[in-house]
Amino acid sequence: MKDIKNIIVVGSGKGGVGKSTVSTNLAICLSQKKFKVGLLDADIYGPNTPSMLGVSDENPKVHGSGNDQRLIPIVKFGISIVSMGFLIEEGQPVIWRGPMLNSIIRQFLYQVEWNTLDFLVIDLPPGTGDAQISLAQSVPISSAIIVTTPQIVSLQDARRGLAMFKQLGVPLLGVVENMSVFIPPDMPNKRYEIFGKGGGKILSGENNLPLLAQIPIEITLVNESNKGVPISISEPDKESSIRFKELAQLIKKQFIN
């Protein structure tokens, strides 16, 4: 993976906080800045990146066999995508123990024709288990982004995810607070803190990390994602799209001289 300049992992201690939404839109916004970007959906048990990008029906090509086998990523919206979702039927469960999980993650890293990339964004599964350990031991991760919501329960789990990265020696870039406020479509000047407030600020302050972004909930973000078109593509002027662009700009400043 010597031709991949920067590997950014997006994780949290729990599911349902929007890691895939953050990963997908971040990858797209980096690509819009003319970077070569890959997106690896490492949530083996619950891959949903293909649905969010409208490529669920795609079948990636495979070259060679055995140790020389190479998977060709699916390209959409300017990013190269690899996911377990391409390799299983919709609704099919992945019932694997740790060794098989480790094996497929290493294949996604080392047996994919990623070619030269400026950024590889990795969407991690929830929790602090085998997938995270395998990645940390397999590749030099440039930095990790912790995603939380303002809720106290989310904050408690995000602390565990953050502590895991510290124990694994993974550099931490900062915190993204997703679902920070709800912006109603008929009253765009209103802000409703339906999940509470302050979770991202608390987590970043406790660990002396920057609060990289606060992403609001917008109906468009949900609807367009369900259609397979991320909001950064469909509605670039919405507030959530603007926040994703700002996040990409922060990462550019951090890693690109």
Protein backbone atom coordinates (compact mmCIF):
# COMPACT_ATOMS: atom_id res chain seq x y z
CA MET A 1 0.00 0.00 0.00
CA LYS A 2 2.98 2.26 -0.58
CA ASP A 3 1.03 4.23 -3.20
CA ILE A 4 -1.62 5.31 -0.67
CA LYS A 5 -0.42 8.54 0.90
CA ASN A 6 -2.90 8.99 3.76
CA ILE A 7 -5.25 6.51 5.49
CA ILE A 8 -8.09 8.10 7.48
CA VAL A 9 -10.30 5.85 9.61
CA VAL A 10 -13.76 6.94 10.76
CA GLY A 11 -14.98 5.16 13.87
CA SER A 12 -17.01 5.26 17.05
CA GLY A 13 -17.85 3.00 19.93
CA LYS A 14 -21.44 2.37 18.78
CA GLY A 15 -23.61 2.02 15.70
CA GLY A 16 -26.19 4.42 14.40
CA VAL A 17 -24.18 7.61 14.86
CA GLY A 18 -23.61 8.20 11.14
CA LYS A 19 -20.08 6.92 10.51
CA SER A 20 -21.01 5.83 6.99
CA THR A 21 -22.65 9.19 6.25
CA VAL A 22 -19.53 11.01 7.43
CA SER A 23 -17.16 8.65 5.60
CA THR A 24 -19.07 8.80 2.33
CA ASN A 25 -19.51 12.56 2.20
CA LEU A 26 -15.95 13.18 3.39
CA ALA A 27 -14.59 10.97 0.60
CA ILE A 28 -16.71 12.79 -1.98
CA CYS A 29 -15.68 16.25 -0.73
CA LEU A 30 -12.00 15.27 -0.85
CA SER A 31 -12.51 14.00 -4.39
CA GLN A 32 -14.14 17.31 -5.33
CA LYS A 33 -10.88 18.96 -4.28
CA LYS A 34 -9.19 16.98 -7.07
CA PHE A 35 -7.64 14.37 -4.78
CA LYS A 36 -7.56 10.69 -5.70
CA VAL A 37 -9.72 9.04 -3.07
CA GLY A 38 -10.67 5.49 -2.10
CA LEU A 39 -13.46 4.45 0.27
CA LEU A 40 -13.22 1.14 2.10
CA ASP A 41 -16.38 -0.05 3.86
CA ALA A 42 -14.83 -2.16 6.63
CA ASP A 43 -18.18 -2.84 8.32
CA ILE A 44 -18.17 -6.48 7.25
CA TYR A 45 -21.30 -7.44 9.20
CA GLY A 46 -23.41 -4.45 8.15
CA PRO A 47 -22.12 -2.96 4.89
CA ASN A 48 -24.31 -0.12 3.68
CA THR A 49 -21.96 2.13 1.72
CA PRO A 50 -23.04 0.61 -1.64
CA SER A 51 -26.66 1.56 -0.92
CA MET A 52 -25.70 5.08 0.11
CA LEU A 53 -23.78 5.53 -3.14
CA GLY A 54 -26.33 3.87 -5.41
CA VAL A 55 -24.04 1.01 -6.47
CA SER A 56 -25.65 -1.95 -4.68
CA ASP A 57 -26.22 -3.80 -7.96
CA GLU A 58 -22.64 -3.42 -9.15
CA ASN A 59 -20.31 -6.44 -9.38
CA PRO A 60 -16.61 -5.63 -9.08
CA LYS A 61 -14.27 -7.41 -11.46
CA VAL A 62 -11.60 -9.77 -10.20
CA HIS A 63 -8.27 -10.39 -11.91
CA GLY A 64 -5.99 -13.37 -11.32
CA SER A 65 -6.35 -16.12 -8.73
CA GLY A 66 -4.98 -17.20 -5.36
CA ASN A 67 -2.49 -14.81 -3.81
CA ASP A 68 -2.29 -12.91 -7.10
CA GLN A 69 -6.03 -12.21 -7.15
CA ARG A 70 -6.93 -8.53 -7.39
CA LEU A 71 -10.32 -6.89 -6.88
CA ILE A 72 -11.10 -3.86 -9.02
CA PRO A 73 -12.96 -1.17 -7.02
CA ILE A 74 -16.28 0.24 -8.20
CA VAL A 75 -15.94 3.92 -9.13
CA LYS A 76 -18.77 6.36 -8.41
CA PHE A 77 -18.79 10.11 -7.87
CA GLY A 78 -15.03 10.14 -8.44
CA ILE A 79 -14.13 7.72 -5.63
CA SER A 80 -12.99 4.08 -5.71
CA ILE A 81 -15.23 1.92 -3.51
CA VAL A 82 -14.77 -1.52 -1.95
CA SER A 83 -17.33 -3.14 0.35
CA MET A 84 -18.47 -6.53 1.55
CA GLY A 85 -21.85 -5.43 0.22
CA PHE A 86 -20.60 -6.14 -3.31
CA LEU A 87 -19.80 -9.76 -2.45
CA ILE A 88 -22.99 -10.93 -0.73
CA GLU A 89 -26.68 -10.97 -1.56
CA GLU A 90 -28.89 -8.25 -0.10
CA GLY A 91 -30.04 -9.31 3.37
CA GLN A 92 -27.51 -12.14 3.57
CA PRO A 93 -25.87 -12.27 7.03
CA VAL A 94 -22.11 -12.57 7.41
CA ILE A 95 -21.63 -15.13 10.20
CA TRP A 96 -17.88 -15.13 10.68
CA ARG A 97 -15.49 -15.43 13.57
CA GLY A 98 -12.41 -13.29 14.04
CA PRO A 99 -9.90 -15.09 11.78
CA MET A 100 -12.20 -14.90 8.73
CA LEU A 101 -12.94 -11.26 9.47
CA ASN A 102 -9.22 -10.50 9.68
CA SER A 103 -8.62 -12.32 6.41
CA ILE A 104 -11.20 -10.38 4.39
CA ILE A 105 -10.02 -7.05 5.79
CA ARG A 106 -6.45 -7.83 4.76
CA GLN A 107 -7.70 -8.82 1.31
CA PHE A 108 -9.56 -5.52 1.01
CA LEU A 109 -6.34 -3.74 1.88
CA TYR A 110 -3.72 -5.72 -0.02
CA GLN A 111 -5.57 -7.51 -2.81
CA VAL A 112 -7.42 -4.53 -4.25
CA GLU A 113 -6.10 -2.44 -7.12
CA TRP A 114 -6.28 0.84 -5.25
CA ASN A 115 -3.52 2.30 -7.41
CA THR A 116 -2.19 5.71 -6.34
CA LEU A 117 -4.41 7.46 -3.80
CA ASP A 118 -4.06 10.71 -1.91
CA PHE A 119 -6.58 9.46 0.69
CA LEU A 120 -8.09 6.13 1.64
CA VAL A 121 -11.10 6.71 3.91
CA ILE A 122 -12.03 3.64 5.94
CA ASP A 123 -15.54 3.36 7.39
CA LEU A 124 -15.12 1.20 10.50
CA PRO A 125 -17.76 -1.03 12.07
CA PRO A 126 -19.13 -0.14 15.50
CA GLY A 127 -17.38 -1.35 18.60
CA THR A 128 -13.77 -2.00 19.58
CA GLY A 129 -13.13 -5.47 18.20
CA ASP A 130 -11.33 -7.53 15.60
CA ALA A 131 -11.81 -5.21 12.63
CA GLN A 132 -10.25 -2.23 14.35
CA ILE A 133 -7.35 -4.28 15.71
CA SER A 134 -6.69 -5.89 12.30
CA LEU A 135 -6.58 -2.54 10.56
CA ALA A 136 -4.29 -0.96 13.14
CA GLN A 137 -1.90 -3.89 12.86
CA SER A 138 -2.06 -4.14 9.06
CA VAL A 139 -1.53 -0.60 7.76
CA PRO A 140 0.01 2.68 8.92
CA ILE A 141 -3.14 4.65 9.78
CA SER A 142 -2.51 8.37 9.34
CA SER A 143 -5.27 9.47 11.67
CA ALA A 144 -8.65 8.58 13.16
CA ILE A 145 -11.86 10.60 13.32
CA ILE A 146 -14.29 9.82 16.16
CA VAL A 147 -17.98 10.30 15.36
CA THR A 148 -20.49 10.91 18.12
CA THR A 149 -23.91 12.48 18.57
CA PRO A 150 -24.85 14.94 21.32
CA GLN A 151 -26.50 12.16 23.34
CA ILE A 152 -24.88 11.07 26.60
CA VAL A 153 -25.21 7.37 25.64
CA SER A 154 -23.43 8.02 22.35
CA LEU A 155 -20.77 9.97 24.20
CA GLN A 156 -20.10 7.09 26.58
CA ASP A 157 -19.51 4.68 23.69
CA ALA A 158 -17.45 7.19 21.72
CA ARG A 159 -15.12 7.48 24.73
CA ARG A 160 -14.45 3.75 24.46
CA GLY A 161 -13.72 4.02 20.75
CA LEU A 162 -11.37 6.93 21.35
CA ALA A 163 -9.58 5.09 24.16
CA MET A 164 -9.16 2.07 21.86
CA PHE A 165 -7.35 4.15 19.24
CA LYS A 166 -5.07 5.55 21.90
CA GLN A 167 -4.21 2.05 23.12
CA LEU A 168 -3.53 0.93 19.55
CA GLY A 169 -1.26 3.90 18.97
CA VAL A 170 -3.42 5.41 16.23
CA PRO A 171 -3.09 9.22 15.91
CA LEU A 172 -6.35 11.05 16.57
CA LEU A 173 -7.42 13.86 14.26
CA GLY A 174 -10.48 15.02 16.17
CA VAL A 175 -14.20 14.63 16.83
CA VAL A 176 -17.19 15.00 14.51
CA GLU A 177 -20.55 15.56 16.16
CA ASN A 178 -23.26 14.21 13.88
CA MET A 179 -26.99 14.97 14.28
CA SER A 180 -26.05 18.10 16.21
CA VAL A 181 -29.34 19.86 15.46
CA PHE A 182 -32.43 19.28 13.31
CA ILE A 183 -33.13 21.90 10.64
CA PRO A 184 -36.77 21.72 9.48
CA PRO A 185 -37.15 22.14 5.71
CA ASP A 186 -39.96 24.70 6.03
CA MET A 187 -38.07 26.79 8.62
CA PRO A 188 -34.37 26.71 7.63
CA ASN A 189 -33.49 29.34 10.23
CA LYS A 190 -34.70 27.16 13.10
CA ARG A 191 -32.47 24.76 15.03
CA TYR A 192 -33.84 22.00 17.26
CA GLU A 193 -31.49 20.08 19.59
CA ILE A 194 -33.53 16.88 19.49
CA PHE A 195 -30.63 14.73 20.74
CA GLY A 196 -29.43 17.17 23.38
CA LYS A 197 -26.33 19.29 23.01
CA GLY A 198 -22.68 19.50 23.81
CA GLY A 199 -21.61 15.87 23.36
CA GLY A 200 -18.97 16.57 20.75
CA LYS A 201 -17.58 19.54 22.65
CA ILE A 202 -17.36 17.51 25.85
CA LEU A 203 -15.57 14.60 24.15
CA SER A 204 -13.10 16.81 22.31
CA GLY A 205 -12.41 18.88 25.45
CA GLU A 206 -11.77 15.82 27.60
CA ASN A 207 -9.12 14.61 25.17
CA ASN A 208 -7.66 17.94 24.06
CA LEU A 209 -8.82 17.30 20.49
CA PRO A 210 -10.44 19.68 18.02
CA LEU A 211 -14.16 19.51 17.33
CA LEU A 212 -13.79 19.14 13.59
CA ALA A 213 -17.43 19.53 12.55
CA GLN A 214 -21.01 19.60 13.78
CA ILE A 215 -23.28 18.04 11.16
CA PRO A 216 -27.00 18.89 11.33
CA ILE A 217 -29.87 16.57 10.43
CA GLU A 218 -31.67 17.68 7.30
CA ILE A 219 -34.52 15.85 5.58
CA THR A 220 -32.65 16.14 2.31
CA LEU A 221 -29.63 14.37 3.77
CA VAL A 222 -31.79 11.38 4.72
CA ASN A 223 -33.91 11.27 1.55
CA GLU A 224 -31.07 11.65 -0.92
CA SER A 225 -28.95 9.08 0.91
CA ASN A 226 -31.85 6.62 0.65
CA LYS A 227 -31.83 7.24 -3.11
CA GLY A 228 -28.11 6.50 -3.33
CA VAL A 229 -27.04 10.12 -3.86
CA PRO A 230 -25.08 11.66 -0.95
CA ILE A 231 -26.08 15.18 -0.03
CA SER A 232 -22.66 16.53 -0.99
CA ILE A 233 -23.63 15.68 -4.58
CA SER A 234 -27.38 16.31 -4.59
CA GLU A 235 -27.60 19.47 -2.48
CA PRO A 236 -24.14 21.09 -2.23
CA ASP A 237 -25.55 24.30 -0.73
CA LYS A 238 -27.32 22.67 2.22
CA GLU A 239 -25.78 23.31 5.63
CA SER A 240 -24.74 19.69 6.14
CA SER A 241 -22.96 19.71 2.75
CA ILE A 242 -21.13 22.88 3.73
CA ARG A 243 -19.98 21.26 6.99
CA PHE A 244 -18.65 18.22 5.10
CA LYS A 245 -16.74 20.53 2.75
CA GLU A 246 -15.24 22.33 5.73
CA LEU A 247 -14.22 18.99 7.21
CA ALA A 248 -12.49 18.04 3.95
CA GLN A 249 -10.70 21.37 3.93
CA LEU A 250 -9.42 20.80 7.48
CA ILE A 251 -8.06 17.41 6.44
CA LYS A 252 -6.43 18.94 3.37
CA LYS A 253 -4.63 21.47 5.55
CA GLN A 254 -3.53 18.73 7.95
CA PHE A 255 -2.05 16.35 5.40
CA ILE A 256 -1.31 18.23 2.18
CA ASN A 257 1.54 20.71 2.14
